[in-house]
N, C-alpha and C. Protein backbone atom coordinates (compact mmCIF):
# COMPACT_ATOMS: atom_id res chain seq x y z
N MET A 1 16.82 11.78 -111.46
CA MET A 1 15.55 11.42 -112.02
C MET A 1 14.55 12.20 -113.16
N LYS A 2 14.19 11.62 -114.08
CA LYS A 2 13.41 12.41 -115.19
C LYS A 2 12.09 12.37 -114.55
N ILE A 3 11.12 13.35 -114.59
CA ILE A 3 9.92 13.69 -114.49
C ILE A 3 9.23 15.11 -115.52
N VAL A 4 8.37 15.10 -115.51
CA VAL A 4 7.72 16.18 -116.13
C VAL A 4 7.35 17.47 -115.22
N LEU A 5 8.00 18.47 -115.49
CA LEU A 5 7.27 19.74 -114.57
C LEU A 5 6.65 20.49 -115.56
N ASN A 6 5.44 20.69 -115.07
CA ASN A 6 4.57 21.54 -116.06
C ASN A 6 4.96 21.57 -117.57
N GLY A 7 5.00 20.49 -117.84
CA GLY A 7 4.45 19.77 -119.19
C GLY A 7 5.85 19.55 -120.07
N GLU A 8 6.96 20.34 -119.15
CA GLU A 8 8.43 20.22 -119.75
C GLU A 8 9.52 18.89 -119.08
N PRO A 9 9.56 17.98 -119.85
CA PRO A 9 10.84 16.79 -119.44
C PRO A 9 11.54 17.84 -118.55
N ARG A 10 12.17 17.25 -117.51
CA ARG A 10 13.08 17.52 -116.39
C ARG A 10 14.01 16.25 -116.15
N GLU A 11 15.21 16.69 -115.69
CA GLU A 11 16.07 15.57 -115.41
C GLU A 11 16.78 16.39 -113.66
N VAL A 12 16.21 15.86 -112.60
CA VAL A 12 16.05 16.35 -111.45
C VAL A 12 17.05 15.60 -110.44
N ALA A 13 17.65 16.34 -109.18
CA ALA A 13 17.99 15.49 -108.49
C ALA A 13 16.92 15.23 -107.23
N ALA A 14 16.27 16.08 -106.85
CA ALA A 14 15.77 15.95 -105.89
C ALA A 14 14.50 15.08 -105.76
N GLU A 15 14.33 14.27 -104.46
CA GLU A 15 13.90 13.44 -103.89
C GLU A 15 12.18 13.27 -103.62
N THR A 16 12.32 14.62 -103.00
CA THR A 16 10.76 14.98 -102.46
C THR A 16 10.29 16.03 -103.26
N LEU A 17 8.66 16.23 -102.99
CA LEU A 17 8.39 17.44 -103.41
C LEU A 17 9.01 18.61 -103.44
N ALA A 18 9.35 18.90 -102.05
CA ALA A 18 9.81 20.23 -100.92
C ALA A 18 11.10 20.78 -101.92
N ALA A 19 11.84 19.13 -101.94
CA ALA A 19 13.38 19.53 -102.18
C ALA A 19 12.92 19.86 -103.70
N LEU A 20 11.98 19.48 -104.69
CA LEU A 20 12.04 19.67 -105.95
C LEU A 20 11.91 21.54 -106.17
N LEU A 21 10.89 21.68 -105.63
CA LEU A 21 10.44 23.17 -105.25
C LEU A 21 11.83 24.29 -104.85
N ASP A 22 12.59 23.57 -104.11
CA ASP A 22 13.77 24.32 -103.59
C ASP A 22 14.76 24.48 -105.05
N GLU A 23 14.84 22.95 -105.60
CA GLU A 23 15.93 22.90 -106.64
C GLU A 23 15.49 23.73 -107.67
N CYS A 24 14.23 23.87 -108.31
CA CYS A 24 14.05 24.61 -109.02
C CYS A 24 13.52 26.42 -109.02
N GLY A 25 13.81 26.65 -107.78
CA GLY A 25 13.65 28.06 -107.30
C GLY A 25 12.19 28.76 -107.32
N TYR A 26 11.28 27.70 -107.42
CA TYR A 26 10.16 28.02 -106.34
C TYR A 26 10.26 28.82 -104.76
N SER A 27 9.55 29.96 -104.63
CA SER A 27 9.14 30.35 -103.46
C SER A 27 7.96 31.10 -103.05
N GLY A 28 7.76 31.42 -101.89
CA GLY A 28 6.63 31.72 -101.81
C GLY A 28 5.09 30.79 -102.16
N ARG A 29 4.02 31.25 -102.10
CA ARG A 29 2.91 30.44 -102.03
C ARG A 29 2.58 30.02 -103.30
N VAL A 30 2.65 28.37 -103.34
CA VAL A 30 2.44 27.83 -104.76
C VAL A 30 1.41 26.69 -104.51
N ALA A 31 0.82 26.47 -105.61
CA ALA A 31 0.19 24.94 -105.43
C ALA A 31 0.76 23.94 -106.06
N THR A 32 0.65 22.82 -105.73
CA THR A 32 1.16 21.46 -106.23
C THR A 32 0.71 19.97 -106.50
N ALA A 33 0.76 20.03 -107.53
CA ALA A 33 0.08 18.79 -107.84
C ALA A 33 0.84 17.49 -108.97
N VAL A 34 0.90 16.39 -108.05
CA VAL A 34 1.88 14.99 -108.59
C VAL A 34 0.85 14.18 -109.16
N ASN A 35 1.09 13.90 -110.53
CA ASN A 35 0.17 13.04 -111.23
C ASN A 35 -1.38 13.31 -111.27
N GLU A 36 -1.57 14.60 -111.32
CA GLU A 36 -3.20 15.14 -111.25
C GLU A 36 -3.77 15.18 -109.83
N ASP A 37 -2.84 14.74 -109.04
CA ASP A 37 -3.47 14.85 -107.35
C ASP A 37 -2.76 16.01 -106.50
N PHE A 38 -3.61 16.59 -106.03
CA PHE A 38 -2.79 17.55 -105.14
C PHE A 38 -2.35 17.60 -104.23
N VAL A 39 -1.58 18.24 -103.73
CA VAL A 39 -0.23 17.82 -102.58
C VAL A 39 -0.42 18.79 -101.80
N PRO A 40 -0.67 19.40 -100.95
CA PRO A 40 -0.73 20.14 -100.07
C PRO A 40 0.60 20.66 -99.27
N SER A 41 0.43 21.88 -98.79
CA SER A 41 2.53 22.23 -98.73
C SER A 41 2.57 21.51 -97.34
N SER A 42 1.64 21.13 -96.31
CA SER A 42 1.87 20.55 -95.06
C SER A 42 2.67 19.03 -95.75
N LEU A 43 2.64 18.79 -96.74
CA LEU A 43 3.05 16.99 -96.77
C LEU A 43 3.45 17.69 -98.06
N ARG A 44 4.54 18.26 -98.44
CA ARG A 44 5.37 18.09 -99.76
C ARG A 44 6.98 17.87 -99.20
N ALA A 45 7.28 17.84 -97.79
CA ALA A 45 8.57 17.34 -97.26
C ALA A 45 8.24 15.95 -97.36
N GLY A 46 7.28 15.35 -96.91
CA GLY A 46 7.10 13.96 -97.11
C GLY A 46 6.80 13.14 -98.24
N HIS A 47 6.68 13.96 -99.43
CA HIS A 47 6.13 13.23 -100.65
C HIS A 47 7.44 13.16 -101.70
N ARG A 48 7.71 11.76 -101.31
CA ARG A 48 8.67 11.02 -102.65
C ARG A 48 8.34 11.28 -104.11
N LEU A 49 9.10 11.58 -104.83
CA LEU A 49 9.19 11.90 -106.33
C LEU A 49 9.34 10.71 -106.72
N ASN A 50 9.21 10.01 -107.99
CA ASN A 50 9.42 8.76 -108.53
C ASN A 50 9.72 9.11 -110.01
N ASP A 51 10.39 8.64 -110.60
CA ASP A 51 10.87 8.83 -111.93
C ASP A 51 9.86 8.21 -112.69
N GLY A 52 9.46 9.52 -114.04
CA GLY A 52 8.27 9.65 -114.23
C GLY A 52 7.07 10.52 -114.21
N ASP A 53 6.90 11.15 -112.43
CA ASP A 53 6.02 11.77 -112.14
C ASP A 53 5.91 13.00 -112.80
N ARG A 54 4.47 13.32 -113.08
CA ARG A 54 3.99 14.62 -113.51
C ARG A 54 3.45 15.78 -112.68
N VAL A 55 4.77 16.72 -112.68
CA VAL A 55 4.86 17.72 -111.25
C VAL A 55 3.71 18.80 -111.99
N GLU A 56 2.75 19.57 -111.43
CA GLU A 56 2.07 20.72 -111.98
C GLU A 56 2.48 21.74 -110.81
N VAL A 57 3.14 22.69 -110.92
CA VAL A 57 3.65 23.85 -109.68
C VAL A 57 2.65 25.24 -110.54
N LEU A 58 2.07 25.75 -109.70
CA LEU A 58 0.72 26.56 -110.28
C LEU A 58 1.32 27.90 -109.13
N ALA A 59 1.66 29.33 -109.57
CA ALA A 59 2.18 30.20 -108.69
C ALA A 59 1.06 31.80 -109.03
N PRO A 60 0.08 32.16 -107.70
CA PRO A 60 -1.03 33.61 -107.79
C PRO A 60 -0.02 34.46 -108.69
N MET A 61 -0.93 34.72 -109.73
CA MET A 61 -0.52 36.34 -110.44
C MET A 61 -1.30 37.18 -110.03
N GLN A 62 -0.51 38.29 -109.84
CA GLN A 62 -1.66 39.74 -109.50
C GLN A 62 -2.10 40.62 -110.91
N GLY A 63 -3.03 41.43 -110.94
CA GLY A 63 -3.12 41.84 -111.91
C GLY A 63 -4.71 41.95 -112.49
N GLY A 64 -5.14 42.44 -113.28
CA GLY A 64 -6.59 42.48 -113.84
C GLY A 64 -6.96 43.08 -114.94
């Protein structure tokens, strides 16, 4: 399916948000939004993706 991940078009096999994070190599604590709606970590496994969805994944950064 074709989605937009962090502003970049991507072709992915994942059907859920949790599977997408695994497929793209995200681990640890991240914040996620689909089509500008926040999706908490507890709902990612059940959040189905659709062709054309816009997904944002944000990871905390250390530093000052």
